[in-house]
Amino acid sequence: MKPINQFVRKNIKTFELVGVVMRISSFSLVSWLGPASPFMFVWIFNTTDAVLLSWCSVLKKDKAYTLLNVFWVIIGVVGILKAAGSI
């Protein structure tokens, strides 16, 4: 895991930018399409960006953003389960 973390640290601004663009894209899709949104895709996409941003914030030792993004990971998992009809 150490080489992966080193790679992420070296390119952290890019990873954060990708995560933010993913988040904006997923919320924009829901805003534009409303109930016609592909909810499973949106939940998976949004949860993926939350994992990415959580990873970056953990590496930066930023407790506030770690808490915020880990919260979004949890919400995303619940959303995925709901969209799948599991709960």
N, C-alpha and C. Protein backbone atom coordinates (compact mmCIF):
# COMPACT_ATOMS: atom_id res chain seq x y z
N MET A 1 0.82 -1.19 0.00
CA MET A 1 0.00 0.00 0.00
C MET A 1 0.86 1.26 0.00
N LYS A 2 2.06 1.16 0.52
CA LYS A 2 2.92 2.32 0.62
C LYS A 2 3.24 2.94 -0.74
N PRO A 3 3.59 2.13 -1.77
CA PRO A 3 3.84 2.75 -3.08
C PRO A 3 2.61 3.45 -3.66
N ILE A 4 1.43 2.90 -3.40
CA ILE A 4 0.20 3.53 -3.90
C ILE A 4 -0.01 4.86 -3.18
N ASN A 5 0.18 4.88 -1.87
CA ASN A 5 0.03 6.12 -1.11
C ASN A 5 1.04 7.17 -1.57
N GLN A 6 2.26 6.75 -1.87
CA GLN A 6 3.27 7.68 -2.36
C GLN A 6 2.85 8.26 -3.71
N PHE A 7 2.29 7.42 -4.57
CA PHE A 7 1.82 7.89 -5.87
C PHE A 7 0.67 8.89 -5.70
N VAL A 8 -0.26 8.58 -4.80
CA VAL A 8 -1.38 9.49 -4.55
C VAL A 8 -0.87 10.80 -3.96
N ARG A 9 0.04 10.72 -2.99
CA ARG A 9 0.60 11.95 -2.41
C ARG A 9 1.26 12.82 -3.47
N LYS A 10 2.01 12.19 -4.36
CA LYS A 10 2.72 12.92 -5.41
C LYS A 10 1.75 13.63 -6.35
N ASN A 11 0.58 13.04 -6.56
CA ASN A 11 -0.41 13.57 -7.50
C ASN A 11 -1.72 13.97 -6.80
N ILE A 12 -1.62 14.36 -5.53
CA ILE A 12 -2.82 14.56 -4.71
C ILE A 12 -3.74 15.64 -5.26
N LYS A 13 -3.20 16.72 -5.79
CA LYS A 13 -4.04 17.79 -6.34
C LYS A 13 -4.89 17.26 -7.50
N THR A 14 -4.29 16.43 -8.34
CA THR A 14 -5.02 15.84 -9.46
C THR A 14 -6.12 14.91 -8.96
N PHE A 15 -5.80 14.06 -8.00
CA PHE A 15 -6.79 13.14 -7.44
C PHE A 15 -7.94 13.91 -6.80
N GLU A 16 -7.62 14.98 -6.07
CA GLU A 16 -8.68 15.78 -5.45
C GLU A 16 -9.55 16.46 -6.52
N LEU A 17 -8.93 16.97 -7.55
CA LEU A 17 -9.69 17.61 -8.62
C LEU A 17 -10.62 16.61 -9.31
N VAL A 18 -10.12 15.42 -9.58
CA VAL A 18 -10.95 14.38 -10.19
C VAL A 18 -12.13 14.06 -9.26
N GLY A 19 -11.88 13.90 -7.98
CA GLY A 19 -12.94 13.60 -7.02
C GLY A 19 -13.99 14.70 -6.96
N VAL A 20 -13.57 15.95 -6.98
CA VAL A 20 -14.51 17.07 -6.93
C VAL A 20 -15.33 17.14 -8.22
N VAL A 21 -14.70 16.94 -9.36
CA VAL A 21 -15.43 16.94 -10.63
C VAL A 21 -16.43 15.78 -10.67
N MET A 22 -16.04 14.62 -10.13
CA MET A 22 -16.98 13.50 -10.05
C MET A 22 -18.18 13.86 -9.19
N ARG A 23 -17.94 14.49 -8.05
CA ARG A 23 -19.04 14.88 -7.14
C ARG A 23 -19.97 15.87 -7.82
N ILE A 24 -19.40 16.88 -8.46
CA ILE A 24 -20.22 17.87 -9.15
C ILE A 24 -21.03 17.21 -10.26
N SER A 25 -20.41 16.30 -10.99
CA SER A 25 -21.09 15.62 -12.10
C SER A 25 -22.27 14.78 -11.60
N SER A 26 -22.07 14.04 -10.52
CA SER A 26 -23.15 13.18 -10.03
C SER A 26 -24.32 13.99 -9.51
N PHE A 27 -24.06 15.07 -8.79
CA PHE A 27 -25.16 15.90 -8.30
C PHE A 27 -25.83 16.66 -9.44
N SER A 28 -25.06 17.07 -10.44
CA SER A 28 -25.65 17.74 -11.60
C SER A 28 -26.58 16.81 -12.35
N LEU A 29 -26.16 15.56 -12.51
CA LEU A 29 -26.99 14.58 -13.21
C LEU A 29 -28.33 14.40 -12.52
N VAL A 30 -28.31 14.29 -11.21
CA VAL A 30 -29.55 14.14 -10.45
C VAL A 30 -30.40 15.42 -10.55
N SER A 31 -29.76 16.57 -10.50
CA SER A 31 -30.49 17.84 -10.60
C SER A 31 -31.18 17.98 -11.96
N TRP A 32 -30.49 17.57 -13.02
CA TRP A 32 -31.05 17.73 -14.37
C TRP A 32 -32.11 16.68 -14.68
N LEU A 33 -31.87 15.45 -14.27
CA LEU A 33 -32.78 14.37 -14.64
C LEU A 33 -33.85 14.06 -13.60
N GLY A 34 -33.64 14.49 -12.38
CA GLY A 34 -34.63 14.25 -11.33
C GLY A 34 -34.93 12.77 -11.17
N PRO A 35 -36.21 12.40 -11.11
CA PRO A 35 -36.59 11.00 -10.90
C PRO A 35 -36.14 10.06 -12.03
N ALA A 36 -35.80 10.62 -13.19
CA ALA A 36 -35.34 9.78 -14.30
C ALA A 36 -33.84 9.47 -14.21
N SER A 37 -33.20 9.93 -13.14
CA SER A 37 -31.75 9.70 -12.96
C SER A 37 -31.45 8.21 -12.81
N PRO A 38 -30.31 7.79 -13.34
CA PRO A 38 -29.87 6.41 -13.12
C PRO A 38 -29.29 6.28 -11.70
N PHE A 39 -30.17 6.09 -10.71
CA PHE A 39 -29.76 6.22 -9.32
C PHE A 39 -28.64 5.27 -8.91
N MET A 40 -28.67 4.03 -9.37
CA MET A 40 -27.59 3.12 -8.98
C MET A 40 -26.25 3.65 -9.48
N PHE A 41 -26.20 4.10 -10.73
CA PHE A 41 -24.96 4.67 -11.27
C PHE A 41 -24.52 5.87 -10.45
N VAL A 42 -25.46 6.76 -10.16
CA VAL A 42 -25.14 7.97 -9.41
C VAL A 42 -24.60 7.62 -8.03
N TRP A 43 -25.24 6.66 -7.34
CA TRP A 43 -24.77 6.28 -6.01
C TRP A 43 -23.37 5.66 -6.07
N ILE A 44 -23.14 4.80 -7.04
CA ILE A 44 -21.81 4.18 -7.15
C ILE A 44 -20.76 5.23 -7.49
N PHE A 45 -21.08 6.11 -8.43
CA PHE A 45 -20.15 7.17 -8.85
C PHE A 45 -19.85 8.10 -7.67
N ASN A 46 -20.90 8.51 -6.94
CA ASN A 46 -20.73 9.41 -5.82
C ASN A 46 -19.96 8.76 -4.67
N THR A 47 -20.20 7.48 -4.44
CA THR A 47 -19.47 6.77 -3.39
C THR A 47 -18.00 6.61 -3.76
N THR A 48 -17.75 6.38 -5.04
CA THR A 48 -16.36 6.27 -5.51
C THR A 48 -15.61 7.58 -5.29
N ASP A 49 -16.25 8.71 -5.61
CA ASP A 49 -15.56 9.98 -5.38
C ASP A 49 -15.36 10.23 -3.89
N ALA A 50 -16.30 9.78 -3.06
CA ALA A 50 -16.14 9.94 -1.61
C ALA A 50 -14.96 9.12 -1.09
N VAL A 51 -14.79 7.91 -1.62
CA VAL A 51 -13.64 7.09 -1.23
C VAL A 51 -12.34 7.78 -1.65
N LEU A 52 -12.31 8.28 -2.88
CA LEU A 52 -11.12 8.97 -3.38
C LEU A 52 -10.79 10.20 -2.54
N LEU A 53 -11.79 11.01 -2.25
CA LEU A 53 -11.55 12.22 -1.46
C LEU A 53 -11.23 11.88 0.00
N SER A 54 -11.81 10.81 0.53
CA SER A 54 -11.46 10.37 1.89
C SER A 54 -10.00 9.96 1.96
N TRP A 55 -9.57 9.20 0.97
CA TRP A 55 -8.18 8.75 0.91
C TRP A 55 -7.24 9.96 0.90
N CYS A 56 -7.54 10.93 0.05
CA CYS A 56 -6.68 12.12 -0.02
C CYS A 56 -6.67 12.86 1.32
N SER A 57 -7.83 13.01 1.95
CA SER A 57 -7.88 13.75 3.20
C SER A 57 -7.19 13.01 4.34
N VAL A 58 -7.23 11.67 4.31
CA VAL A 58 -6.49 10.88 5.31
C VAL A 58 -4.99 11.09 5.12
N LEU A 59 -4.53 11.04 3.88
CA LEU A 59 -3.11 11.23 3.61
C LEU A 59 -2.65 12.64 4.01
N LYS A 60 -3.53 13.62 3.87
CA LYS A 60 -3.20 14.99 4.24
C LYS A 60 -3.40 15.24 5.74
N LYS A 61 -3.95 14.23 6.45
CA LYS A 61 -4.25 14.33 7.88
C LYS A 61 -5.22 15.49 8.16
N ASP A 62 -6.20 15.63 7.28
CA ASP A 62 -7.22 16.66 7.41
C ASP A 62 -8.46 16.02 8.02
N LYS A 63 -8.61 16.18 9.33
CA LYS A 63 -9.67 15.49 10.06
C LYS A 63 -11.06 15.92 9.63
N ALA A 64 -11.26 17.20 9.37
CA ALA A 64 -12.59 17.68 9.00
C ALA A 64 -13.03 17.07 7.67
N TYR A 65 -12.19 17.11 6.67
CA TYR A 65 -12.56 16.56 5.36
C TYR A 65 -12.59 15.04 5.37
N THR A 66 -11.79 14.43 6.22
CA THR A 66 -11.89 12.97 6.37
C THR A 66 -13.26 12.61 6.92
N LEU A 67 -13.70 13.29 7.97
CA LEU A 67 -15.02 13.03 8.55
C LEU A 67 -16.13 13.26 7.52
N LEU A 68 -16.06 14.38 6.81
CA LEU A 68 -17.07 14.70 5.82
C LEU A 68 -17.15 13.62 4.73
N ASN A 69 -16.01 13.23 4.20
CA ASN A 69 -16.02 12.28 3.08
C ASN A 69 -16.29 10.85 3.52
N VAL A 70 -15.86 10.47 4.71
CA VAL A 70 -16.21 9.14 5.22
C VAL A 70 -17.72 9.08 5.46
N PHE A 71 -18.30 10.17 5.94
CA PHE A 71 -19.75 10.25 6.07
C PHE A 71 -20.41 10.00 4.72
N TRP A 72 -19.90 10.61 3.64
CA TRP A 72 -20.47 10.40 2.31
C TRP A 72 -20.28 8.97 1.82
N VAL A 73 -19.20 8.32 2.23
CA VAL A 73 -19.03 6.90 1.88
C VAL A 73 -20.14 6.09 2.54
N ILE A 74 -20.40 6.35 3.81
CA ILE A 74 -21.46 5.61 4.53
C ILE A 74 -22.82 5.88 3.88
N ILE A 75 -23.12 7.14 3.60
CA ILE A 75 -24.38 7.49 2.94
C ILE A 75 -24.45 6.81 1.57
N GLY A 76 -23.33 6.76 0.87
CA GLY A 76 -23.29 6.12 -0.44
C GLY A 76 -23.57 4.63 -0.38
N VAL A 77 -23.03 3.96 0.60
CA VAL A 77 -23.28 2.53 0.75
C VAL A 77 -24.76 2.29 1.03
N VAL A 78 -25.35 3.13 1.88
CA VAL A 78 -26.78 3.01 2.16
C VAL A 78 -27.58 3.28 0.88
N GLY A 79 -27.20 4.29 0.13
CA GLY A 79 -27.87 4.60 -1.13
C GLY A 79 -27.78 3.47 -2.14
N ILE A 80 -26.63 2.85 -2.24
CA ILE A 80 -26.44 1.71 -3.15
C ILE A 80 -27.35 0.56 -2.73
N LEU A 81 -27.38 0.28 -1.44
CA LEU A 81 -28.23 -0.81 -0.94
C LEU A 81 -29.71 -0.51 -1.19
N LYS A 82 -30.11 0.75 -1.00
CA LYS A 82 -31.51 1.12 -1.25
C LYS A 82 -31.83 1.03 -2.74
N ALA A 83 -30.92 1.51 -3.59
CA ALA A 83 -31.15 1.46 -5.03
C ALA A 83 -31.21 0.01 -5.53
N ALA A 84 -30.49 -0.87 -4.85
CA ALA A 84 -30.50 -2.29 -5.23
C ALA A 84 -31.71 -3.02 -4.65
N GLY A 85 -32.45 -2.36 -3.79
CA GLY A 85 -33.62 -2.99 -3.18
C GLY A 85 -33.27 -3.90 -2.02
N SER A 86 -32.06 -3.79 -1.51
CA SER A 86 -31.63 -4.64 -0.40
C SER A 86 -32.16 -4.16 0.94
N ILE A 87 -32.45 -2.88 1.05
CA ILE A 87 -33.02 -2.34 2.30
C ILE A 87 -34.19 -1.42 1.98
